[in-house]
C-alpha atoms as a PDB file:
ATOM      1  CA  MET A   1      96.115 103.353  99.027  1.00  0.00           C
ATOM      2  CA  LEU A   2      92.910 102.965 101.009  1.00  0.00           C
ATOM      3  CA  THR A   3      93.105  99.232 101.638  1.00  0.00           C
ATOM      4  CA  LYS A   4      95.145  96.639 103.425  1.00  0.00           C
ATOM      5  CA  GLN A   5      96.858  94.109 101.185  1.00  0.00           C
ATOM      6  CA  PHE A   6      94.753  91.321 102.736  1.00  0.00           C
ATOM      7  CA  GLU A   7      91.315  91.575 104.328  1.00  0.00           C
ATOM      8  CA  GLY A   8      89.128  88.704 105.428  1.00  0.00           C
ATOM      9  CA  GLY A   9      91.471  86.144 103.893  1.00  0.00           C
ATOM     10  CA  THR A  10      91.262  87.788 100.471  1.00  0.00           C
ATOM     11  CA  GLU A  11      94.066  89.615  98.694  1.00  0.00           C
ATOM     12  CA  LYS A  12      92.700  93.111  98.092  1.00  0.00           C
ATOM     13  CA  CYS A  13      95.777  94.583  96.398  1.00  0.00           C
ATOM     14  CA  GLY A  14      98.921  93.267  94.761  1.00  0.00           C
ATOM     15  CA  LYS A  15     102.145  94.157  96.588  1.00  0.00           C
ATOM     16  CA  TYR A  16     103.460  96.609  93.991  1.00  0.00           C
ATOM     17  CA  TRP A  17     105.786  98.423  96.411  1.00  0.00           C
ATOM     18  CA  VAL A  18     108.486  95.715  96.647  1.00  0.00           C
ATOM     19  CA  ASP A  19     111.992  96.682  95.501  1.00  0.00           C
ATOM     20  CA  GLY A  20     112.710  95.242  92.075  1.00  0.00           C
ATOM     21  CA  GLN A  21     112.755  95.589  88.322  1.00  0.00           C
ATOM     22  CA  TYR A  22     109.346  95.955  86.611  1.00  0.00           C
ATOM     23  CA  GLY A  23     109.936  95.985  82.874  1.00  0.00           C
ATOM     24  CA  PRO A  24     112.064  99.067  82.230  1.00  0.00           C
ATOM     25  CA  PHE A  25     111.339 100.488  85.710  1.00  0.00           C
ATOM     26  CA  ARG A  26     113.512  99.867  88.758  1.00  0.00           C
ATOM     27  CA  LEU A  27     111.842 100.575  92.092  1.00  0.00           C
ATOM     28  CA  SER A  28     113.829 101.125  95.277  1.00  0.00           C
ATOM     29  CA  CYS A  29     112.329 101.908  98.662  1.00  0.00           C
ATOM     30  CA  ILE A  30     114.190 104.829 100.224  1.00  0.00           C
ATOM     31  CA  ARG A  31     112.189 105.114 103.439  1.00  0.00           C
ATOM     32  CA  ARG A  32     109.297 103.461 105.272  1.00  0.00           C
ATOM     33  CA  GLU A  33     107.644 104.864 108.376  1.00  0.00           C
ATOM     34  CA  GLY A  34     104.385 104.834 110.253  1.00  0.00           C
ATOM     35  CA  SER A  35     102.048 102.021 111.169  1.00  0.00           C
ATOM     36  CA  LYS A  36     103.044  98.396 111.405  1.00  0.00           C
ATOM     37  CA  GLU A  37     102.137  96.426 108.290  1.00  0.00           C
ATOM     38  CA  GLU A  38      99.216  94.107 108.885  1.00  0.00           C
ATOM     39  CA  GLU A  39      99.294  90.797 107.053  1.00  0.00           C
ATOM     40  CA  ASP A  40      96.108  88.704 106.801  1.00  0.00           C
ATOM     41  CA  PRO A  41      96.895  85.713 104.594  1.00  0.00           C
ATOM     42  CA  GLY A  42      94.944  83.393 106.910  1.00  0.00           C
ATOM     43  CA  GLY A  43      91.721  85.360 106.944  1.00  0.00           C
ATOM     44  CA  ALA A  44      91.728  87.005 110.363  1.00  0.00           C
ATOM     45  CA  GLY A  45      89.675  90.170 110.788  1.00  0.00           C
ATOM     46  CA  GLY A  46      88.067  92.565 108.330  1.00  0.00           C
ATOM     47  CA  GLY A  47      84.547  91.158 108.206  1.00  0.00           C
ATOM     48  CA  GLY A  48      83.080  94.284 106.643  1.00  0.00           C
ATOM     49  CA  PHE A  49      79.497  95.477 107.041  1.00  0.00           C
ATOM     50  CA  PHE A  50      78.126  91.936 107.026  1.00  0.00           C
ATOM     51  CA  ALA A  51      80.319  90.735 109.920  1.00  0.00           C
ATOM     52  CA  GLU A  52      78.662  88.559 112.557  1.00  0.00           C
ATOM     53  CA  ASN A  53      78.655  91.342 115.140  1.00  0.00           C
ATOM     54  CA  ALA A  54      79.628  94.988 115.427  1.00  0.00           C
ATOM     55  CA  ASP A  55      82.856  94.221 117.298  1.00  0.00           C
ATOM     56  CA  ASP A  56      84.124  92.275 114.263  1.00  0.00           C
ATOM     57  CA  ARG A  57      83.600  95.335 112.058  1.00  0.00           C
ATOM     58  CA  LYS A  58      85.695  97.764 114.102  1.00  0.00           C
ATOM     59  CA  SER A  59      89.234  98.444 112.998  1.00  0.00           C
ATOM     60  CA  PRO A  60      91.635  97.471 115.758  1.00  0.00           C
ATOM     61  CA  SER A  61      92.667 100.432 117.918  1.00  0.00           C
ATOM     62  CA  VAL A  62      91.218 103.059 115.545  1.00  0.00           C
ATOM     63  CA  ASP A  63      91.705 106.599 116.831  1.00  0.00           C
ATOM     64  CA  ASP A  64      93.342 105.577 120.093  1.00  0.00           C
ATOM     65  CA  GLY A  65      96.356 107.688 119.127  1.00  0.00           C
ATOM     66  CA  HIS A  66      97.641 104.922 116.827  1.00  0.00           C
ATOM     67  CA  ASN A  67      98.904 105.949 113.410  1.00  0.00           C
ATOM     68  CA  HIS A  68      96.952 104.005 110.772  1.00  0.00           C
ATOM     69  CA  THR A  69      99.062 105.185 107.847  1.00  0.00           C
ATOM     70  CA  ILE A  70     102.201 103.685 106.362  1.00  0.00           C
ATOM     71  CA  ARG A  71     104.349 106.119 104.391  1.00  0.00           C
ATOM     72  CA  ARG A  72     106.705 104.644 101.812  1.00  0.00           C
ATOM     73  CA  VAL A  73     109.058 106.761  99.722  1.00  0.00           C
ATOM     74  CA  PHE A  74     110.403 105.234  96.519  1.00  0.00           C
ATOM     75  CA  GLU A  75     112.892 106.091  93.848  1.00  0.00           C
ATOM     76  CA  ILE A  76     111.841 105.012  90.358  1.00  0.00           C
ATOM     77  CA  VAL A  77     114.317 104.822  87.487  1.00  0.00           C
ATOM     78  CA  ASN A  78     113.444 104.143  83.855  1.00  0.00           C
ATOM     79  CA  THR A  79     116.408 102.013  82.789  1.00  0.00           C
ATOM     80  CA  ASP A  80     115.609 102.670  79.111  1.00  0.00           C
ATOM     81  CA  PHE A  81     116.567 106.316  79.779  1.00  0.00           C
ATOM     82  CA  PRO A  82     119.535 106.205  82.173  1.00  0.00           C
ATOM     83  CA  GLU A  83     120.315 109.898  81.568  1.00  0.00           C
ATOM     84  CA  GLN A  84     116.973 110.882  83.155  1.00  0.00           C
ATOM     85  CA  LYS A  85     117.123 111.578  86.847  1.00  0.00           C
ATOM     86  CA  PRO A  86     115.154 109.231  89.128  1.00  0.00           C
ATOM     87  CA  ARG A  87     111.656 110.194  90.262  1.00  0.00           C
ATOM     88  CA  THR A  88     110.680 110.188  93.896  1.00  0.00           C
ATOM     89  CA  VAL A  89     107.197 108.878  94.705  1.00  0.00           C
ATOM     90  CA  THR A  90     105.497 108.878  98.093  1.00  0.00           C
ATOM     91  CA  GLN A  91     102.871 106.242  98.838  1.00  0.00           C
ATOM     92  CA  LEU A  92     100.478 106.501 101.772  1.00  0.00           C
ATOM     93  CA  GLN A  93      98.701 103.292 102.765  1.00  0.00           C
ATOM     94  CA  TYR A  94      95.753 103.830 105.104  1.00  0.00           C
ATOM     95  CA  LEU A  95      94.877 100.793 107.233  1.00  0.00           C
ATOM     96  CA  GLY A  96      92.016 102.238 109.281  1.00  0.00           C
ATOM     97  CA  TRP A  97      89.152 101.796 106.806  1.00  0.00           C
ATOM     98  CA  PRO A  98      87.718  98.266 106.685  1.00  0.00           C
ATOM     99  CA  ASP A  99      86.322  96.949 103.409  1.00  0.00           C
ATOM    100  CA  MET A 100      82.556  97.471 103.068  1.00  0.00           C
ATOM    101  CA  ASP A 101      82.493  99.569 106.248  1.00  0.00           C
ATOM    102  CA  VAL A 102      83.462 102.961 107.618  1.00  0.00           C
ATOM    103  CA  PRO A 103      86.284 104.005 109.927  1.00  0.00           C
ATOM    104  CA  ALA A 104      85.253 103.836 113.588  1.00  0.00           C
ATOM    105  CA  SER A 105      85.985 107.579 113.889  1.00  0.00           C
ATOM    106  CA  PRO A 106      86.748 110.288 111.321  1.00  0.00           C
ATOM    107  CA  LYS A 107      89.893 111.503 113.110  1.00  0.00           C
ATOM    108  CA  SER A 108      92.432 109.217 111.445  1.00  0.00           C
ATOM    109  CA  LEU A 109      90.795 109.700 108.019  1.00  0.00           C
ATOM    110  CA  LEU A 110      90.951 113.496 108.416  1.00  0.00           C
ATOM    111  CA  LYS A 111      94.611 113.171 109.430  1.00  0.00           C
ATOM    112  CA  LEU A 112      95.238 111.170 106.237  1.00  0.00           C
ATOM    113  CA  MET A 113      93.468 113.847 104.167  1.00  0.00           C
ATOM    114  CA  MET A 114      95.723 116.523 105.684  1.00  0.00           C
ATOM    115  CA  GLU A 115      98.810 114.414 104.886  1.00  0.00           C
ATOM    116  CA  VAL A 116      97.643 114.080 101.274  1.00  0.00           C
ATOM    117  CA  ASP A 117      97.029 117.851 101.055  1.00  0.00           C
ATOM    118  CA  VAL A 118     100.572 118.574 102.263  1.00  0.00           C
ATOM    119  CA  LEU A 119     102.131 116.051  99.865  1.00  0.00           C
ATOM    120  CA  THR A 120     100.216 117.313  96.838  1.00  0.00           C
ATOM    121  CA  GLN A 121     101.217 120.970  97.121  1.00  0.00           C
ATOM    122  CA  VAL A 122     104.601 122.113  95.839  1.00  0.00           C
ATOM    123  CA  GLU A 123     105.816 125.694  96.099  1.00  0.00           C
ATOM    124  CA  GLU A 124     107.096 127.091  92.799  1.00  0.00           C
ATOM    125  CA  THR A 125     107.930 130.485  91.356  1.00  0.00           C
ATOM    126  CA  ASP A 126     105.799 131.736  88.451  1.00  0.00           C
ATOM    127  CA  GLU A 127     107.019 133.815  85.500  1.00  0.00           C
ATOM    128  CA  THR A 128     106.671 137.053  87.520  1.00  0.00           C
ATOM    129  CA  GLY A 129     108.770 135.686  90.388  1.00  0.00           C
ATOM    130  CA  LYS A 130     105.762 135.256  92.655  1.00  0.00           C
ATOM    131  CA  ARG A 131     105.708 132.110  94.833  1.00  0.00           C
ATOM    132  CA  VAL A 132     102.655 129.952  94.134  1.00  0.00           C
ATOM    133  CA  LEU A 133     101.420 126.553  95.268  1.00  0.00           C
ATOM    134  CA  THR A 134     101.082 124.120  92.397  1.00  0.00           C
ATOM    135  CA  PRO A 135      99.235 120.825  92.894  1.00  0.00           C
ATOM    136  CA  LYS A 136     101.170 117.608  92.253  1.00  0.00           C
ATOM    137  CA  PRO A 137      99.430 114.649  90.642  1.00  0.00           C
ATOM    138  CA  ILE A 138      97.886 112.032  92.893  1.00  0.00           C
ATOM    139  CA  LEU A 139      96.809 108.457  92.257  1.00  0.00           C
ATOM    140  CA  MET A 140      94.335 106.918  94.667  1.00  0.00           C
ATOM    141  CA  HIS A 141      92.993 103.389  94.933  1.00  0.00           C
ATOM    142  CA  CYS A 142      91.283 100.958  97.246  1.00  0.00           C
ATOM    143  CA  SER A 143      90.552  97.327  96.436  1.00  0.00           C
ATOM    144  CA  ALA A 144      87.860  97.866  93.781  1.00  0.00           C
ATOM    145  CA  GLY A 145      88.285 101.583  93.085  1.00  0.00           C
ATOM    146  CA  VAL A 146      84.709 102.702  93.659  1.00  0.00           C
ATOM    147  CA  GLY A 147      83.890 102.475  97.384  1.00  0.00           C
ATOM    148  CA  ARG A 148      86.566 103.906  99.651  1.00  0.00           C
ATOM    149  CA  THR A 149      88.190 105.775  96.755  1.00  0.00           C
ATOM    150  CA  GLY A 150      84.922 107.450  95.743  1.00  0.00           C
ATOM    151  CA  ALA A 151      84.074 108.268  99.349  1.00  0.00           C
ATOM    152  CA  PHE A 152      87.513 109.813  99.927  1.00  0.00           C
ATOM    153  CA  ILE A 153      87.194 111.958  96.798  1.00  0.00           C
ATOM    154  CA  ILE A 154      83.718 113.248  97.689  1.00  0.00           C
ATOM    155  CA  ILE A 155      84.684 113.957 101.317  1.00  0.00           C
ATOM    156  CA  ASP A 156      87.752 115.859 100.104  1.00  0.00           C
ATOM    157  CA  ALA A 157      85.650 117.837  97.590  1.00  0.00           C
ATOM    158  CA  VAL A 158      83.064 118.765 100.250  1.00  0.00           C
ATOM    159  CA  LEU A 159      85.807 119.871 102.672  1.00  0.00           C
ATOM    160  CA  ASP A 160      87.430 121.977  99.918  1.00  0.00           C
ATOM    161  CA  ALA A 161      84.072 123.590  99.106  1.00  0.00           C
ATOM    162  CA  MET A 162      83.515 124.371 102.789  1.00  0.00           C
ATOM    163  CA  ARG A 163      86.997 125.908 103.118  1.00  0.00           C
ATOM    164  CA  ASN A 164      86.407 128.028  99.995  1.00  0.00           C
ATOM    165  CA  GLU A 165      83.016 129.144 101.308  1.00  0.00           C
ATOM    166  CA  ILE A 166      84.549 130.201 104.637  1.00  0.00           C
ATOM    167  CA  ARG A 167      87.315 132.182 102.864  1.00  0.00           C
ATOM    168  CA  SER A 168      84.889 134.155 100.672  1.00  0.00           C
END
């Protein structure tokens, strides 16, 4: 999740991570760690590219050693199929990328990308008994789904291409 819930007094994302029953799905938060959640229902901060001055556009304390990611781990149960075991889902919420702007420094974004890489690789054994890394599915979103999400995807693709080029 590449957005805060509220930015500039506007709700950018519904709070879908609250414990509860959602149709046939029951969501329970198992663990929460990382950055402090930042609420903005009154409209403070997050002016974006068109902010009055450059200081208004900077994310607070970006790359000063502060962790800008919240990690939430959930258990999801489909109550229509109680015999199925629950699924565990990890959500990363990145707070260091203001809407209509860029992070003040790439360090915290690169750290997030490394966290995503670790979470999306699972070690399995193939049919020959060889251990292989298999990618897990990932869902990514920001507030509109085209700005920060698209930028993250292209940055990740370029970094992967560079790593592959170095290896060959």
